[in-house]
Protein backbone atom coordinates (compact mmCIF):
# COMPACT_ATOMS: atom_id res chain seq x y z
CA MET A 1 -7.67 21.10 -22.60
CA VAL A 2 -6.83 19.40 -25.77
CA GLY A 3 -3.95 17.51 -24.05
CA LEU A 4 -6.37 16.42 -21.47
CA VAL A 5 -8.73 15.10 -23.85
CA ILE A 6 -6.09 13.27 -25.81
CA ARG A 7 -4.68 11.73 -22.77
CA LEU A 8 -8.18 10.68 -21.64
CA ALA A 9 -8.59 9.12 -25.05
CA ILE A 10 -5.33 7.50 -24.88
CA GLY A 11 -6.26 6.06 -21.31
CA ALA A 12 -9.77 4.73 -22.47
CA LEU A 13 -7.89 2.81 -25.50
CA GLY A 14 -5.78 1.38 -23.04
CA LEU A 15 -8.74 0.51 -20.66
CA TRP A 16 -10.61 -0.95 -23.99
CA LEU A 17 -7.60 -3.12 -24.81
CA SER A 18 -7.34 -4.75 -21.25
CA ALA A 19 -11.06 -5.40 -21.21
CA ARG A 20 -10.43 -7.24 -24.75
CA LEU A 21 -7.37 -9.22 -23.59
CA VAL A 22 -7.58 -9.97 -20.10
CA THR A 23 -10.30 -12.28 -18.84
CA GLY A 24 -11.58 -11.24 -15.67
CA ILE A 25 -12.07 -7.43 -16.61
CA GLN A 26 -15.30 -6.29 -18.03
CA ILE A 27 -16.41 -2.85 -19.21
CA ASP A 28 -20.44 -2.49 -19.91
CA ASP A 29 -20.38 0.24 -22.24
CA ASN A 30 -18.70 3.52 -23.80
CA ARG A 31 -19.88 5.80 -21.22
CA THR A 32 -18.40 3.35 -18.33
CA LEU A 33 -15.20 3.29 -20.36
CA ILE A 34 -14.80 7.09 -20.41
CA ALA A 35 -15.74 7.54 -16.94
CA ALA A 36 -13.28 4.77 -15.88
CA ALA A 37 -10.44 6.38 -17.94
CA LEU A 38 -11.22 9.83 -16.22
CA LEU A 39 -11.44 8.17 -12.57
CA LEU A 40 -8.20 6.39 -13.19
CA GLY A 41 -6.45 9.50 -13.89
CA ILE A 42 -8.05 10.96 -10.88
CA VAL A 43 -7.24 7.96 -8.75
CA ASN A 44 -3.55 7.84 -9.81
CA ALA A 45 -3.21 11.74 -9.37
CA LEU A 46 -4.77 11.84 -5.95
CA VAL A 47 -4.92 8.49 -4.15
CA ARG A 48 -1.67 6.62 -5.61
CA PRO A 49 1.03 9.12 -4.14
CA VAL A 50 -0.38 8.55 -0.68
CA VAL A 51 -0.54 4.94 -1.06
CA VAL A 52 2.93 4.91 -2.43
CA PHE A 53 4.13 7.09 0.38
CA LEU A 54 2.43 5.01 3.03
CA THR A 55 3.70 1.69 1.52
CA LEU A 56 7.42 3.22 1.06
CA PRO A 57 9.19 0.49 3.44
CA ILE A 58 7.60 -2.58 1.81
CA THR A 59 8.47 -0.88 -1.51
CA ILE A 60 12.04 -0.33 -0.52
CA VAL A 61 12.28 -3.96 0.77
CA THR A 62 10.86 -5.40 -2.46
CA LEU A 63 13.14 -3.26 -4.68
CA GLY A 64 10.05 -1.62 -6.08
CA LEU A 65 8.23 -4.47 -7.21
CA PHE A 66 5.31 -3.69 -4.50
CA LEU A 67 4.61 -1.03 -6.86
CA LEU A 68 2.80 -3.42 -9.08
CA VAL A 69 0.49 -4.34 -6.25
CA VAL A 70 -0.09 -0.81 -5.75
CA ASN A 71 -0.82 -0.06 -9.24
CA ALA A 72 -3.31 -3.19 -9.20
CA LEU A 73 -4.76 -1.93 -6.30
CA MET A 74 -5.58 1.63 -8.00
CA PHE A 75 -7.02 -0.22 -10.76
CA ALA A 76 -9.17 -2.54 -8.76
CA LEU A 77 -10.35 0.66 -6.78
CA VAL A 78 -11.67 2.31 -9.86
CA ALA A 79 -13.58 -0.89 -10.41
CA TRP A 80 -14.84 -0.63 -7.00
CA LEU A 81 -16.15 2.67 -7.22
CA LEU A 82 -17.64 2.63 -10.83
CA PRO A 83 -20.75 0.47 -11.74
CA GLY A 84 -20.24 -1.48 -15.15
CA PHE A 85 -16.72 -1.68 -14.63
CA SER A 86 -15.36 -4.90 -12.84
CA VAL A 87 -12.26 -6.71 -12.13
CA SER A 88 -12.42 -10.22 -10.90
CA GLY A 89 -8.97 -10.26 -8.98
CA LEU A 90 -5.49 -8.95 -8.29
CA ILE A 91 -3.92 -10.70 -11.15
CA PRO A 92 -6.32 -9.27 -13.82
CA ALA A 93 -5.90 -5.87 -12.21
CA ALA A 94 -2.20 -6.28 -12.60
CA LEU A 95 -2.29 -7.39 -16.16
CA GLY A 96 -4.59 -4.67 -17.05
CA THR A 97 -2.69 -2.01 -15.27
CA ALA A 98 0.44 -3.23 -17.39
CA ILE A 99 -1.57 -2.94 -20.52
CA VAL A 100 -3.03 0.55 -19.69
CA GLY A 101 0.60 1.57 -18.70
CA ILE A 102 2.33 0.30 -22.20
CA VAL A 103 -0.81 1.98 -24.30
CA SER A 104 -0.45 5.23 -22.16
CA TRP A 105 3.48 5.25 -22.65
CA LEU A 106 3.17 4.58 -26.25
CA GLY A 107 0.67 7.30 -26.77
CA SER A 108 2.67 9.72 -24.93
CA GLN A 109 5.53 9.59 -27.44
CA PHE A 110 3.37 11.35 -29.83
CA VAL A 111 1.73 13.71 -27.39
CA GLY A 112 3.92 16.96 -26.67
CA PRO A 113 3.69 19.02 -23.19
CA LYS A 114 0.83 21.40 -24.51
CA GLY A 115 -1.26 18.48 -25.75
CA ARG A 116 -0.41 18.61 -29.78
CA PHE A 117 0.54 15.67 -31.54
CA GLU A 118 4.46 15.80 -32.21
CA VAL A 119 6.10 13.57 -34.48
CA MET A 120 9.78 14.17 -35.34
CA VAL A 121 11.11 13.55 -38.74
CA VAL A 122 14.87 13.06 -39.44
CA GLN A 123 16.26 13.61 -42.89
CA ARG A 124 19.49 12.70 -44.00
CA ARG A 125 21.45 14.71 -46.33
CA ARG A 126 23.73 13.04 -48.54
CA ASP A 127 27.06 15.22 -48.76
CA ARG A 128 29.23 14.58 -51.75
């Protein structure tokens, strides 16, 4: 449960950053931000695999670049489903998806499989 909350917070941070950095992405309030992060996680878990499977031939032909479009469409789907969260086009959706992805990747480096913060400390010993 703790892992879910931490990952939700990381996703919300990515959405917040994308709304701050990308013109064309707007989130009205904090409640909408949390709902968007939760809905984005659900959409990426349930809808995205089906869309990736259905668009597999296009993805293969474009050597995987079409996945950027799929990710942007999932981002836009969340904006369409959730009042208070708006995306003005495919380019802002793609940029927002990239920011959320980078923040999620960086945040996941510090969260272990059980949802705990994990940081590896390496100490060097001097052998004389």
